[in-house]
Protein backbone atom coordinates (compact mmCIF):
# COMPACT_ATOMS: atom_id res chain seq x y z
CA MET A 1 -14.94 -38.40 4.04
CA GLU A 2 -16.93 -38.90 0.89
CA GLN A 3 -18.06 -35.89 -1.08
CA MET A 4 -21.21 -34.62 0.62
CA ASN A 5 -24.27 -35.15 -1.50
CA GLU A 6 -26.81 -32.45 -2.26
CA LEU A 7 -29.50 -33.88 0.06
CA LYS A 8 -27.16 -33.75 3.07
CA ARG A 9 -26.19 -30.18 2.23
CA LYS A 10 -29.83 -29.10 2.01
CA VAL A 11 -30.66 -30.88 5.30
CA LEU A 12 -27.75 -29.07 6.98
CA GLU A 13 -29.00 -25.73 5.69
CA LEU A 14 -32.51 -26.41 7.00
CA LEU A 15 -31.21 -27.54 10.39
CA LYS A 16 -28.89 -24.53 10.64
CA GLU A 17 -31.88 -22.21 10.09
CA ASP A 18 -33.97 -24.06 12.71
CA ALA A 19 -32.77 -27.21 14.49
CA ARG A 20 -36.33 -27.90 15.64
CA ARG A 21 -37.44 -28.82 12.13
CA THR A 22 -38.66 -32.39 12.02
CA PRO A 23 -37.48 -34.93 9.44
CA GLU A 24 -41.08 -35.02 8.19
CA LEU A 25 -41.13 -31.27 7.55
CA MET A 26 -37.69 -31.33 5.91
CA ALA A 27 -38.76 -34.22 3.66
CA THR A 28 -41.79 -32.20 2.55
CA LEU A 29 -39.70 -29.08 1.95
CA LEU A 30 -37.10 -31.05 -0.04
CA GLY A 31 -39.53 -33.30 -1.90
CA VAL A 32 -37.93 -36.55 -0.67
CA GLN A 33 -38.92 -39.47 1.57
CA VAL A 34 -38.75 -39.08 5.36
CA ASP A 35 -36.46 -42.12 5.61
CA GLU A 36 -33.93 -40.42 3.32
CA VAL A 37 -33.80 -37.36 5.60
CA LYS A 38 -33.55 -39.48 8.77
CA SER A 39 -30.76 -41.55 7.21
CA ALA A 40 -28.85 -38.43 6.11
CA ILE A 41 -29.11 -36.92 9.62
CA GLU A 42 -28.03 -40.16 11.28
CA GLN A 43 -25.00 -40.49 8.98
CA MET A 44 -23.96 -36.88 9.57
CA GLU A 45 -24.27 -37.33 13.34
CA GLN A 46 -22.11 -40.48 13.20
CA GLU A 47 -19.52 -38.71 11.02
CA HIS A 48 -19.49 -35.70 13.40
CA VAL A 49 -20.64 -33.37 10.64
CA ILE A 50 -23.55 -32.56 12.95
CA VAL A 51 -21.85 -32.10 16.29
CA LYS A 52 -24.56 -30.55 18.46
CA TYR A 53 -28.03 -29.07 18.35
CA ALA A 54 -27.96 -25.74 20.17
CA THR A 55 -30.18 -22.80 21.04
CA VAL A 56 -29.18 -19.21 20.31
CA VAL A 57 -29.96 -17.20 23.47
CA ASN A 58 -30.17 -13.44 23.77
CA TRP A 59 -28.64 -13.24 27.26
CA ASP A 60 -29.38 -9.51 27.45
CA LYS A 61 -33.05 -10.49 27.91
CA VAL A 62 -32.27 -12.75 30.87
CA ASP A 63 -31.42 -11.65 34.41
CA ASP A 64 -28.10 -13.43 34.19
CA GLU A 65 -25.13 -11.10 33.97
CA ARG A 66 -22.36 -12.47 31.79
CA VAL A 67 -19.24 -10.98 30.32
CA THR A 68 -17.82 -12.15 27.03
CA ALA A 69 -14.33 -11.34 25.82
CA LEU A 70 -12.53 -12.01 22.56
CA ILE A 71 -8.85 -12.46 23.28
CA GLU A 72 -6.24 -12.11 20.57
CA VAL A 73 -3.32 -14.40 21.40
CA GLN A 74 0.14 -14.45 19.82
CA ILE A 75 1.97 -17.71 20.36
CA THR A 76 5.11 -19.56 19.40
CA PRO A 77 4.12 -22.80 17.66
CA GLU A 78 5.39 -26.03 19.21
CA ARG A 79 7.87 -28.13 17.28
CA GLY A 80 6.11 -31.02 15.59
CA ARG A 81 2.59 -29.93 16.65
CA GLY A 82 2.40 -26.33 15.50
CA PHE A 83 -0.57 -24.56 17.04
CA GLU A 84 -2.57 -27.72 17.86
CA GLY A 85 -1.14 -28.47 21.31
CA ILE A 86 -1.48 -24.92 22.58
CA ALA A 87 -5.00 -24.56 21.17
CA GLU A 88 -5.96 -27.85 22.86
CA ARG A 89 -4.55 -26.68 26.18
CA ILE A 90 -6.53 -23.45 25.94
CA TYR A 91 -9.86 -24.93 24.82
CA MET A 92 -9.91 -27.39 27.73
CA TYR A 93 -10.68 -24.57 30.19
CA PRO A 94 -14.43 -24.38 30.92
CA GLN A 95 -14.47 -20.56 30.53
CA VAL A 96 -13.36 -20.91 26.91
CA LYS A 97 -16.30 -21.03 24.49
CA SER A 98 -14.40 -20.98 21.17
CA VAL A 99 -10.84 -21.03 19.84
CA TYR A 100 -9.95 -20.12 16.26
CA LEU A 101 -6.63 -20.24 14.39
CA MET A 102 -6.36 -16.89 12.60
CA SER A 103 -4.37 -15.27 9.88
CA GLY A 104 -3.02 -11.77 10.41
CA ALA A 105 -1.52 -9.99 13.41
CA PHE A 106 -2.31 -12.71 15.98
CA ASP A 107 -2.48 -16.49 15.94
CA LEU A 108 -5.49 -17.53 18.03
CA LEU A 109 -8.79 -15.85 18.80
CA VAL A 110 -10.17 -17.12 22.10
CA GLU A 111 -13.75 -16.45 23.17
CA VAL A 112 -14.12 -16.49 26.96
CA GLU A 113 -17.20 -16.09 29.13
CA GLY A 114 -17.30 -15.15 32.80
CA ARG A 115 -19.64 -13.82 35.47
CA ASN A 116 -17.88 -10.45 35.56
CA LEU A 117 -14.85 -8.51 34.26
CA ARG A 118 -12.67 -9.64 37.12
CA GLU A 119 -13.32 -13.33 36.41
CA VAL A 120 -12.30 -12.89 32.78
CA ALA A 121 -9.26 -10.80 33.75
CA ASN A 122 -8.19 -13.48 36.23
CA PHE A 123 -8.49 -16.14 33.55
CA VAL A 124 -6.22 -14.14 31.25
CA SER A 125 -3.62 -13.35 33.91
CA GLU A 126 -3.64 -16.67 35.79
CA LYS A 127 -4.38 -19.28 33.12
CA LEU A 128 -3.77 -17.95 29.61
CA SER A 129 -0.78 -15.60 29.86
CA PRO A 130 1.42 -17.99 31.92
CA ILE A 131 1.39 -20.65 29.17
CA ASP A 132 5.01 -20.85 27.96
CA SER A 133 4.20 -20.47 24.26
CA VAL A 134 1.97 -17.42 24.76
CA LEU A 135 3.84 -14.28 23.71
CA SER A 136 1.06 -11.72 24.18
CA THR A 137 -2.67 -11.28 24.65
CA LYS A 138 -5.08 -8.48 23.83
CA THR A 139 -8.49 -8.69 25.50
CA ASN A 140 -11.56 -7.13 23.86
CA PHE A 141 -14.75 -7.13 25.94
CA THR A 142 -18.06 -7.51 24.14
CA LEU A 143 -20.29 -4.56 24.99
CA LYS A 144 -23.37 -5.53 23.01
CA LYS A 145 -24.25 -8.36 20.65
CA TYR A 146 -26.26 -7.31 17.61
CA LYS A 147 -26.26 -10.54 15.61
CA GLN A 148 -25.16 -14.13 16.14
CA ASP A 149 -25.44 -17.13 13.84
CA GLY A 150 -27.61 -15.12 11.45
CA ILE A 151 -30.03 -14.08 14.22
CA ILE A 152 -30.53 -10.33 14.79
CA PHE A 153 -31.00 -9.47 18.46
CA GLU A 154 -32.29 -5.92 18.05
CA ASP A 155 -35.94 -5.34 18.86
CA HIS A 156 -37.45 -3.21 16.13
CA GLU A 157 -40.76 -1.66 16.95
CA GLU A 158 -43.33 -2.23 14.28
CA ASP A 159 -44.50 0.95 12.56
CA ASN A 160 -48.29 0.87 12.88
CA ARG A 161 -48.91 4.33 11.45
CA LEU A 162 -51.30 4.63 8.53
CA MET A 163 -49.79 5.67 5.24
CA ILE A 164 -50.97 9.07 4.08
CA SER A 165 -51.37 9.50 0.38
CA PRO A 166 -51.84 12.85 -1.37
């Protein structure tokens, strides 16, 4: 792919902050024509630089119990494909939200979501662990999410007290 120009980079930054920003607003913020912004977005969508527009949801505020686990997976790479084939096999499961190739003590980090602990545990024992190349797994359950994608989830009460000066 060609070297990304500065306009595309700035458009990506604006969309990452708030995907609801209109091309008109971005053009004003960047001091360029609306058509330039629309063209940059269209090109990046076609090139799969922009893959999806998504909403960050604080599920703790919704009456929808969910359990998220981060699973550290050690694997034996496949001859000729390395980690790709195993990662592809894992990310095809609908429970899997993300898969990352990692450096360090384990090879893949797999983010899984389920309705409860048992559902996640069953996924690990029935789907993930039986894969031939999987040597070991270590499951870490998320207890509370404080920040995601730059968004802080904590509710901070505003201090409305009057300042007292001597």
